[in-house]
Amino acid sequence: MITAASLKSYTVKDLAQMAKSRGLSGWHSMRKDQLVRALVKAGKSQSAKAQKSSAKKASASKAKVTTKAKAKAPSTRKPARAKKKELVKPTSAAALRKIRNLHSQREESKDISSHTVSENGDRMIVMVRDPFWLHVYWEVTRQSVDRVRAAMAEHWHGAKPVLQLIEVDGGSTTSTAERVVREIEIHGGVKNWYIDVVDPPKSYRVLLGYVGVDERFYPMVRSNVVTTPRPGTSDEIDGNWTGVAENVDKIYALSGGNQNDVASDDLKQLFEERLHRPVGTPLSARIGAIADRFSQENQGFNLQVEVEIVIHGQTKKGSQVTLKGEPVKVNDNGAFMVKMDLPDKRQIFPIVARSQDGVEQRTIALAIERNTKIMDPVTYDGHV
């Protein structure tokens, strides 16, 4: 606190300097007693301002402490009613249909069963196309797929149909050793597949089954054992399977048809179904049997008629074409042609073309009926 008594001990010059530093107006013309009064008055004013500022700070600090205490104290007010959670809207009908369609497509892609009832049950045949290609054909019943599905249980979800290519090494002993070369993922809607192989000659067997999400293979049916020929040998078969009738003896022998087991019986049955004639019998015996049959039939005057049909078409280059599930050779320009016998009955010929990348597929079904009527014979006795 500045007092008049303390200021009187200062000289006029010191008092003038103090007044100047405090910003007092007219200090340069004041006398000593005037400077003392002005400085005392200025000191009182400054002290009052300081006290007022200190009081404001203290009040603000007290208010802050009170607010914190209220925040910590338990509230006696009733809590605001919580907002009800919004109910999740059910999925739209379009989305449900899309989900069902996707599920149906996934199941169809896994279904490798035959859509027609097979009289032969499950069977799988491997045939040799050339030293580097095998042709696999199978028929699996719906019941067999259901049995595997039940065996896989929870692992059926996400299961994939696969072909297991197995290399068979018989060596010079009676025992054989088999090892899995690779697994080939396939899809439903087909019943034959081409498999490329390497390093001929080698012996192979193929297994058809499913691989579950547990990566375990569940087999369904196994094929016969085949042996690929050496490249460039006389056993090598030229052309596609549309010319199988011309090479039936070679294909039958290379595919293990001369072995005395169940698989060779299935192979013989398949060949005879497709070619409509016996296989596996020596050519000389077949010619002799045919000659005997015609000799007996030609003892009297007769007339026989056979019918062949030619189916030809065009598709995109590189596409795969099948006729009644059997592969058809497609030329480099996309053209194809098949020639076959037409028996005396009504038949449906589904022709399926699949794009090279397997994304697109087109199907045309031909319904053809042959109705042959044999008229009563007429004999002329020479009289008009």
Protein backbone atom coordinates (compact mmCIF):
# COMPACT_ATOMS: atom_id res chain seq x y z
CA MET A 1 0.00 0.00 0.00
CA ILE A 2 1.43 3.40 -1.07
CA THR A 3 1.05 6.14 1.63
CA ALA A 4 1.73 9.90 1.59
CA ALA A 5 4.29 9.61 4.40
CA SER A 6 6.36 7.09 2.45
CA LEU A 7 6.23 9.17 -0.72
CA LYS A 8 7.43 12.41 0.97
CA SER A 9 10.83 10.85 1.52
CA TYR A 10 11.37 10.80 -2.28
CA THR A 11 12.69 13.73 -4.28
CA VAL A 12 10.57 15.59 -6.81
CA LYS A 13 12.54 13.96 -9.61
CA ASP A 14 11.82 10.41 -8.26
CA LEU A 15 8.15 11.20 -7.76
CA ALA A 16 7.89 12.58 -11.31
CA GLN A 17 9.47 9.38 -12.67
CA MET A 18 6.98 7.21 -10.71
CA ALA A 19 4.05 9.29 -11.99
CA LYS A 20 5.34 8.96 -15.54
CA SER A 21 5.65 5.14 -15.24
CA ARG A 22 2.05 4.91 -13.98
CA GLY A 23 0.80 6.98 -16.88
CA LEU A 24 -0.47 9.94 -14.83
CA SER A 25 -1.33 12.94 -17.00
CA GLY A 26 0.26 16.37 -16.23
CA TRP A 27 3.04 14.98 -14.06
CA HIS A 28 5.70 17.26 -15.64
CA SER A 29 4.00 20.44 -14.32
CA MET A 30 3.16 19.16 -10.81
CA ARG A 31 4.85 20.14 -7.60
CA LYS A 32 5.96 17.65 -4.92
CA ASP A 33 2.78 17.72 -2.82
CA GLN A 34 0.68 17.37 -6.02
CA LEU A 35 2.72 14.38 -7.15
CA VAL A 36 2.31 12.72 -3.72
CA ARG A 37 -1.51 13.14 -3.81
CA ALA A 38 -1.72 11.86 -7.40
CA LEU A 39 0.41 8.80 -6.66
CA VAL A 40 -1.57 7.95 -3.50
CA LYS A 41 -4.86 8.25 -5.43
CA ALA A 42 -3.50 6.06 -8.25
CA GLY A 43 -2.29 3.43 -5.73
CA LYS A 44 -5.74 3.23 -4.09
CA SER A 45 -7.43 2.80 -7.47
CA GLN A 46 -5.01 0.05 -8.51
CA SER A 47 -5.50 -1.77 -5.18
CA ALA A 48 -9.29 -1.71 -5.61
CA LYS A 49 -9.03 -3.17 -9.07
CA ALA A 50 -6.76 -5.94 -7.81
CA GLN A 51 -9.17 -6.84 -5.02
CA LYS A 52 -12.09 -6.93 -7.44
CA SER A 53 -10.19 -9.22 -9.86
CA SER A 54 -9.20 -11.52 -7.02
CA ALA A 55 -12.81 -11.75 -5.86
CA LYS A 56 -13.96 -12.72 -9.40
CA LYS A 57 -11.32 -15.47 -9.64
CA ALA A 58 -12.30 -16.85 -6.25
CA SER A 59 -15.99 -16.88 -7.23
CA ALA A 60 -15.24 -18.66 -10.51
CA SER A 61 -13.11 -21.29 -8.76
CA LYS A 62 -15.88 -21.94 -6.24
CA ALA A 63 -18.46 -22.34 -8.98
CA LYS A 64 -16.22 -24.85 -10.79
CA VAL A 65 -15.77 -26.93 -7.62
CA THR A 66 -19.55 -26.91 -7.02
CA THR A 67 -20.22 -28.10 -10.59
CA LYS A 68 -17.79 -31.01 -10.20
CA ALA A 69 -19.38 -31.99 -6.90
CA LYS A 70 -22.83 -32.01 -8.50
CA ALA A 71 -21.54 -34.17 -11.31
CA LYS A 72 -20.14 -36.72 -8.85
CA ALA A 73 -23.17 -36.75 -6.58
CA PRO A 74 -25.87 -39.34 -7.38
CA SER A 75 -28.71 -37.86 -9.32
CA THR A 76 -32.19 -37.94 -7.81
CA ARG A 77 -33.83 -37.24 -11.16
CA LYS A 78 -35.52 -40.07 -12.98
CA PRO A 79 -33.45 -41.29 -15.88
CA ALA A 80 -34.72 -40.41 -19.30
CA ARG A 81 -36.62 -43.21 -20.98
CA ALA A 82 -34.27 -45.12 -23.24
CA LYS A 83 -35.12 -45.10 -26.88
CA LYS A 84 -36.50 -48.33 -28.19
CA LYS A 85 -34.16 -50.19 -30.44
CA GLU A 86 -35.25 -50.18 -34.03
CA LEU A 87 -36.46 -53.57 -35.13
CA VAL A 88 -34.42 -55.16 -37.89
CA LYS A 89 -36.53 -55.18 -40.99
CA PRO A 90 -37.02 -58.60 -42.55
CA THR A 91 -35.12 -59.35 -45.72
CA SER A 92 -37.04 -58.44 -48.83
CA ALA A 93 -38.73 -61.11 -50.94
CA ALA A 94 -36.38 -60.39 -53.86
CA ALA A 95 -33.33 -60.91 -51.65
CA LEU A 96 -34.78 -64.17 -50.32
CA ARG A 97 -35.41 -65.40 -53.86
CA LYS A 98 -31.85 -64.51 -54.81
CA ILE A 99 -30.49 -66.42 -51.82
CA ARG A 100 -32.64 -69.45 -52.68
CA ASN A 101 -31.50 -69.32 -56.32
CA LEU A 102 -27.84 -69.16 -55.30
CA HIS A 103 -28.33 -72.08 -52.94
CA SER A 104 -30.09 -74.06 -55.68
CA GLN A 105 -27.30 -73.32 -58.18
CA ARG A 106 -24.67 -74.41 -55.67
CA GLU A 107 -26.51 -77.69 -55.07
CA GLU A 108 -26.92 -78.28 -58.83
CA SER A 109 -23.20 -77.71 -59.38
CA LYS A 110 -22.48 -80.46 -56.82
CA ASP A 111 -25.01 -82.96 -58.17
CA ILE A 112 -23.16 -85.46 -60.35
CA SER A 113 -25.93 -88.05 -60.38
CA SER A 114 -27.59 -89.12 -63.61
CA HIS A 115 -30.92 -87.42 -64.29
CA THR A 116 -32.24 -90.62 -65.85
CA VAL A 117 -32.73 -93.90 -64.03
CA SER A 118 -29.77 -96.16 -64.74
CA GLU A 119 -30.34 -99.90 -65.05
CA ASN A 120 -26.63 -100.54 -64.44
CA GLY A 121 -26.27 -98.74 -61.10
CA ASP A 122 -22.99 -96.92 -60.47
CA ARG A 123 -20.24 -97.42 -62.99
CA MET A 124 -17.19 -95.57 -64.23
CA ILE A 125 -15.20 -96.28 -67.37
CA VAL A 126 -11.86 -94.83 -68.49
CA MET A 127 -10.88 -95.05 -72.16
CA VAL A 128 -7.58 -94.15 -73.79
CA ARG A 129 -7.81 -91.46 -76.43
CA ASP A 130 -4.08 -91.15 -77.19
CA PRO A 131 -0.81 -91.22 -75.22
CA PHE A 132 -1.64 -87.93 -73.46
CA TRP A 133 -5.43 -87.96 -73.04
CA LEU A 134 -7.93 -90.13 -71.18
CA HIS A 135 -11.69 -90.00 -71.52
CA VAL A 136 -13.70 -90.72 -68.36
CA TYR A 137 -17.37 -91.69 -68.45
CA TRP A 138 -19.55 -92.35 -65.39
CA GLU A 139 -23.09 -93.04 -64.26
CA VAL A 140 -23.98 -92.37 -60.62
CA THR A 141 -27.43 -92.82 -59.06
CA ARG A 142 -29.19 -90.28 -56.89
CA GLN A 143 -29.14 -92.73 -53.98
CA SER A 144 -25.33 -92.90 -54.07
CA VAL A 145 -25.05 -89.12 -53.83
CA ASP A 146 -27.48 -89.10 -50.90
CA ARG A 147 -25.41 -91.77 -49.11
CA VAL A 148 -22.22 -89.73 -49.46
CA ARG A 149 -24.04 -86.62 -48.30
CA ALA A 150 -25.22 -88.43 -45.17
CA ALA A 151 -21.70 -89.75 -44.52
CA MET A 152 -20.15 -86.28 -44.85
CA ALA A 153 -22.73 -84.75 -42.44
CA GLU A 154 -21.76 -81.15 -41.67
CA HIS A 155 -18.81 -81.35 -44.09
CA TRP A 156 -21.22 -81.54 -47.05
CA HIS A 157 -21.59 -77.75 -46.95
CA GLY A 158 -18.98 -76.48 -49.37
CA ALA A 159 -18.20 -79.98 -50.71
CA LYS A 160 -16.83 -80.26 -54.27
CA PRO A 161 -17.16 -83.16 -56.72
CA VAL A 162 -13.71 -84.24 -57.93
CA LEU A 163 -11.98 -86.86 -60.02
CA GLN A 164 -8.92 -88.45 -58.44
CA LEU A 165 -6.34 -89.48 -61.04
CA ILE A 166 -4.38 -92.42 -59.64
CA GLU A 167 -1.21 -93.80 -61.14
CA VAL A 168 -1.00 -97.59 -60.95
CA ASP A 169 2.40 -99.25 -60.83
CA GLY A 170 2.24 -103.02 -61.21
CA GLY A 171 5.93 -103.55 -61.84
CA SER A 172 7.12 -107.10 -62.30
CA THR A 173 5.34 -108.42 -59.20
CA THR A 174 1.75 -109.44 -58.65
CA SER A 175 1.09 -106.61 -56.18
CA THR A 176 0.31 -103.11 -57.37
CA ALA A 177 1.06 -99.72 -55.87
CA GLU A 178 -1.26 -96.76 -56.38
CA ARG A 179 -0.68 -93.08 -55.72
CA VAL A 180 -2.86 -90.03 -56.27
CA VAL A 181 -1.44 -87.86 -59.06
CA ARG A 182 -3.92 -85.01 -58.73
CA GLU A 183 -7.53 -84.09 -57.99
CA ILE A 184 -9.62 -82.50 -60.74
CA GLU A 185 -12.64 -80.45 -59.68
CA ILE A 186 -15.69 -81.07 -61.86
CA HIS A 187 -19.30 -79.87 -61.77
CA GLY A 188 -22.79 -81.27 -62.01
CA GLY A 189 -24.69 -81.70 -65.24
CA VAL A 190 -21.99 -83.74 -67.00
CA LYS A 191 -21.10 -87.41 -67.01
CA ASN A 192 -17.81 -87.46 -68.94
CA TRP A 193 -14.49 -85.65 -68.72
CA TYR A 194 -11.16 -85.48 -70.53
CA ILE A 195 -7.98 -85.83 -68.45
CA ASP A 196 -4.52 -84.96 -69.71
CA VAL A 197 -1.66 -87.18 -68.61
CA VAL A 198 2.14 -87.08 -69.07
CA ASP A 199 5.14 -89.34 -69.59
CA PRO A 200 3.50 -92.26 -71.43
CA PRO A 201 3.34 -95.17 -71.22
CA LYS A 202 1.72 -95.31 -67.78
CA SER A 203 -1.22 -97.03 -66.14
CA TYR A 204 -4.03 -95.10 -64.48
CA ARG A 205 -7.24 -95.51 -62.54
CA VAL A 206 -9.79 -92.79 -61.75
CA LEU A 207 -11.96 -92.37 -58.64
CA LEU A 208 -15.08 -90.21 -58.49
CA GLY A 209 -16.18 -88.66 -55.22
CA TYR A 210 -16.45 -85.54 -53.09
CA VAL A 211 -13.96 -83.49 -51.08
CA GLY A 212 -15.52 -81.91 -48.00
CA VAL A 213 -14.58 -78.78 -46.10
CA ASP A 214 -12.46 -81.05 -43.89
CA GLU A 215 -10.35 -81.74 -47.05
CA ARG A 216 -11.14 -85.45 -46.80
CA PHE A 217 -11.97 -87.39 -49.98
CA TYR A 218 -15.17 -89.44 -49.92
CA PRO A 219 -15.04 -91.94 -52.85
CA MET A 220 -18.14 -93.13 -54.69
CA VAL A 221 -17.08 -95.23 -57.67
CA ARG A 222 -13.79 -96.39 -59.19
CA SER A 223 -12.84 -97.10 -62.78
CA ASN A 224 -10.97 -99.77 -64.65
CA VAL A 225 -7.18 -99.59 -65.11
CA VAL A 226 -5.91 -98.29 -68.47
CA THR A 227 -2.45 -97.99 -69.99
CA THR A 228 -1.44 -95.21 -72.35
CA PRO A 229 0.64 -96.20 -75.39
CA ARG A 230 4.04 -94.84 -76.34
CA PRO A 231 3.90 -91.78 -78.62
CA GLY A 232 4.32 -92.66 -82.27
CA THR A 233 3.58 -96.37 -81.87
CA SER A 234 0.96 -98.25 -83.86
CA ASP A 235 -1.23 -98.36 -80.76
CA GLU A 236 -1.68 -94.60 -80.82
CA ILE A 237 -5.22 -93.67 -81.83
CA ASP A 238 -5.80 -90.81 -84.23
CA GLY A 239 -8.87 -88.60 -84.36
CA ASN A 240 -11.55 -87.91 -81.79
CA TRP A 241 -14.04 -90.19 -80.10
CA THR A 242 -16.47 -89.63 -82.94
CA GLY A 243 -14.30 -92.13 -84.80
CA VAL A 244 -14.30 -94.63 -81.96
CA ALA A 245 -16.12 -97.23 -84.08
CA GLU A 246 -13.19 -97.32 -86.50
CA ASN A 247 -10.69 -97.90 -83.66
CA VAL A 248 -12.89 -99.90 -81.31
CA ASP A 249 -10.49 -102.85 -81.06
CA LYS A 250 -7.51 -100.66 -80.16
CA ILE A 251 -9.49 -98.54 -77.70
CA TYR A 252 -11.07 -101.59 -76.12
CA ALA A 253 -7.72 -103.33 -75.63
CA LEU A 254 -5.84 -100.25 -74.38
CA SER A 255 -8.65 -99.49 -71.92
CA GLY A 256 -8.30 -102.89 -70.24
CA GLY A 257 -11.18 -104.63 -72.03
CA ASN A 258 -9.31 -107.93 -72.24
CA GLN A 259 -8.95 -108.21 -68.46
CA ASN A 260 -11.21 -110.65 -66.67
CA ASP A 261 -12.78 -108.46 -64.01
CA VAL A 262 -15.95 -106.50 -63.29
CA ALA A 263 -14.54 -103.26 -64.74
CA SER A 264 -13.86 -104.91 -68.10
CA ASP A 265 -17.44 -106.23 -68.14
CA ASP A 266 -18.73 -102.69 -67.61
CA LEU A 267 -16.44 -101.44 -70.36
CA LYS A 268 -17.70 -104.09 -72.77
CA GLN A 269 -21.30 -103.28 -71.92
CA LEU A 270 -20.70 -99.57 -72.49
CA PHE A 271 -19.05 -100.16 -75.87
CA GLU A 272 -21.83 -102.44 -77.03
CA GLU A 273 -24.48 -99.93 -75.90
CA ARG A 274 -22.84 -97.11 -77.83
CA LEU A 275 -21.84 -99.07 -80.95
CA HIS A 276 -24.86 -101.40 -81.09
CA ARG A 277 -22.72 -104.44 -81.83
CA PRO A 278 -20.56 -106.96 -79.93
CA VAL A 279 -17.00 -106.02 -78.99
CA GLY A 280 -14.11 -107.99 -77.61
CA THR A 281 -14.61 -110.90 -80.02
CA PRO A 282 -11.85 -111.48 -82.59
CA LEU A 283 -12.59 -109.86 -85.92
CA SER A 284 -12.48 -113.15 -87.82
CA ALA A 285 -15.07 -114.66 -85.52
CA ARG A 286 -17.33 -111.63 -85.89
CA ILE A 287 -17.05 -111.74 -89.68
CA GLY A 288 -17.80 -115.45 -89.65
CA ALA A 289 -20.87 -114.95 -87.47
CA ILE A 290 -22.13 -112.15 -89.69
CA ALA A 291 -21.55 -114.25 -92.81
CA ASP A 292 -23.46 -117.18 -91.30
CA ARG A 293 -26.34 -114.92 -90.35
CA PHE A 294 -26.62 -113.39 -93.82
CA SER A 295 -26.24 -116.80 -95.40
CA GLN A 296 -29.23 -118.06 -93.47
CA GLU A 297 -31.28 -114.94 -94.11
CA ASN A 298 -30.46 -114.85 -97.83
CA GLN A 299 -31.65 -118.40 -98.52
CA GLY A 300 -34.96 -116.86 -99.60
CA PHE A 301 -35.90 -113.60 -101.30
CA ASN A 302 -35.83 -110.77 -98.76
CA LEU A 303 -35.51 -107.00 -98.33
CA GLN A 304 -33.77 -105.16 -95.50
CA VAL A 305 -33.48 -101.43 -94.90
CA GLU A 306 -31.21 -99.58 -92.46
CA VAL A 307 -31.30 -95.84 -91.76
CA GLU A 308 -28.50 -93.48 -90.86
CA ILE A 309 -28.82 -89.82 -89.88
CA VAL A 310 -26.33 -87.00 -90.11
CA ILE A 311 -26.44 -84.22 -87.51
CA HIS A 312 -24.27 -81.21 -88.28
CA GLY A 313 -24.06 -77.70 -86.90
CA GLN A 314 -21.94 -74.69 -86.10
CA THR A 315 -20.74 -73.14 -82.83
CA LYS A 316 -18.00 -70.81 -81.65
CA LYS A 317 -14.41 -71.84 -82.24
CA GLY A 318 -12.91 -73.67 -79.27
CA SER A 319 -16.27 -74.70 -77.78
CA GLN A 320 -17.02 -78.18 -76.45
CA VAL A 321 -19.99 -80.04 -77.94
CA THR A 322 -21.71 -83.18 -76.66
CA LEU A 323 -24.46 -85.30 -78.20
CA LYS A 324 -26.43 -87.36 -75.67
CA GLY A 325 -23.61 -86.77 -73.21
CA GLU A 326 -20.90 -87.97 -75.60
CA PRO A 327 -18.21 -85.56 -76.88
CA VAL A 328 -18.32 -84.49 -80.52
CA LYS A 329 -15.30 -83.37 -82.52
CA VAL A 330 -15.43 -79.64 -83.34
CA ASN A 331 -13.37 -78.40 -86.27
CA ASP A 332 -11.15 -75.32 -86.15
CA ASN A 333 -13.93 -73.21 -87.69
CA GLY A 334 -16.51 -74.37 -85.09
CA ALA A 335 -18.32 -76.81 -87.41
CA PHE A 336 -19.22 -80.32 -86.28
CA MET A 337 -20.90 -83.38 -87.82
CA VAL A 338 -22.05 -86.70 -86.41
CA LYS A 339 -23.23 -89.74 -88.39
CA MET A 340 -25.13 -92.50 -86.60
CA ASP A 341 -27.62 -95.33 -87.06
CA LEU A 342 -31.29 -94.56 -86.50
CA PRO A 343 -33.13 -97.45 -84.83
CA ASP A 344 -36.84 -98.02 -85.27
CA LYS A 345 -38.11 -95.93 -82.34
CA ARG A 346 -38.50 -92.37 -81.07
CA GLN A 347 -35.36 -90.75 -79.66
CA ILE A 348 -34.36 -87.45 -78.08
CA PHE A 349 -30.94 -86.10 -79.04
CA PRO A 350 -29.79 -83.30 -76.66
CA ILE A 351 -26.95 -81.31 -78.25
CA VAL A 352 -25.04 -79.17 -75.74
CA ALA A 353 -22.36 -76.59 -76.58
CA ARG A 354 -20.25 -75.12 -73.78
CA SER A 355 -17.96 -72.13 -74.25
CA GLN A 356 -14.21 -72.60 -73.96
CA ASP A 357 -14.11 -70.84 -70.56
CA GLY A 358 -17.08 -72.89 -69.30
CA VAL A 359 -19.19 -69.82 -68.51
CA GLU A 360 -21.87 -70.10 -71.22
CA GLN A 361 -23.90 -73.09 -72.39
CA ARG A 362 -26.44 -73.60 -75.17
CA THR A 363 -28.68 -76.68 -75.61
CA ILE A 364 -30.80 -77.89 -78.55
CA ALA A 365 -32.94 -81.04 -78.24
CA LEU A 366 -33.85 -82.97 -81.39
CA ALA A 367 -36.82 -85.36 -81.27
CA ILE A 368 -36.53 -87.91 -84.10
CA GLU A 369 -38.76 -90.90 -84.67
CA ARG A 370 -38.33 -93.75 -87.12
CA ASN A 371 -41.46 -95.77 -87.82
CA THR A 372 -40.82 -98.65 -90.20
CA LYS A 373 -43.74 -100.71 -91.44
CA ILE A 374 -43.16 -104.00 -93.23
CA MET A 375 -45.88 -104.65 -95.78
CA ASP A 376 -47.30 -108.05 -96.55
CA PRO A 377 -45.33 -109.93 -99.20
CA VAL A 378 -46.85 -110.31 -102.67
CA THR A 379 -46.23 -113.32 -104.89
CA TYR A 380 -46.94 -113.28 -108.58
CA ASP A 381 -47.80 -116.57 -110.27
CA GLY A 382 -47.04 -115.27 -113.76
CA HIS A 383 -50.71 -114.57 -114.75
CA VAL A 384 -51.88 -111.04 -115.42
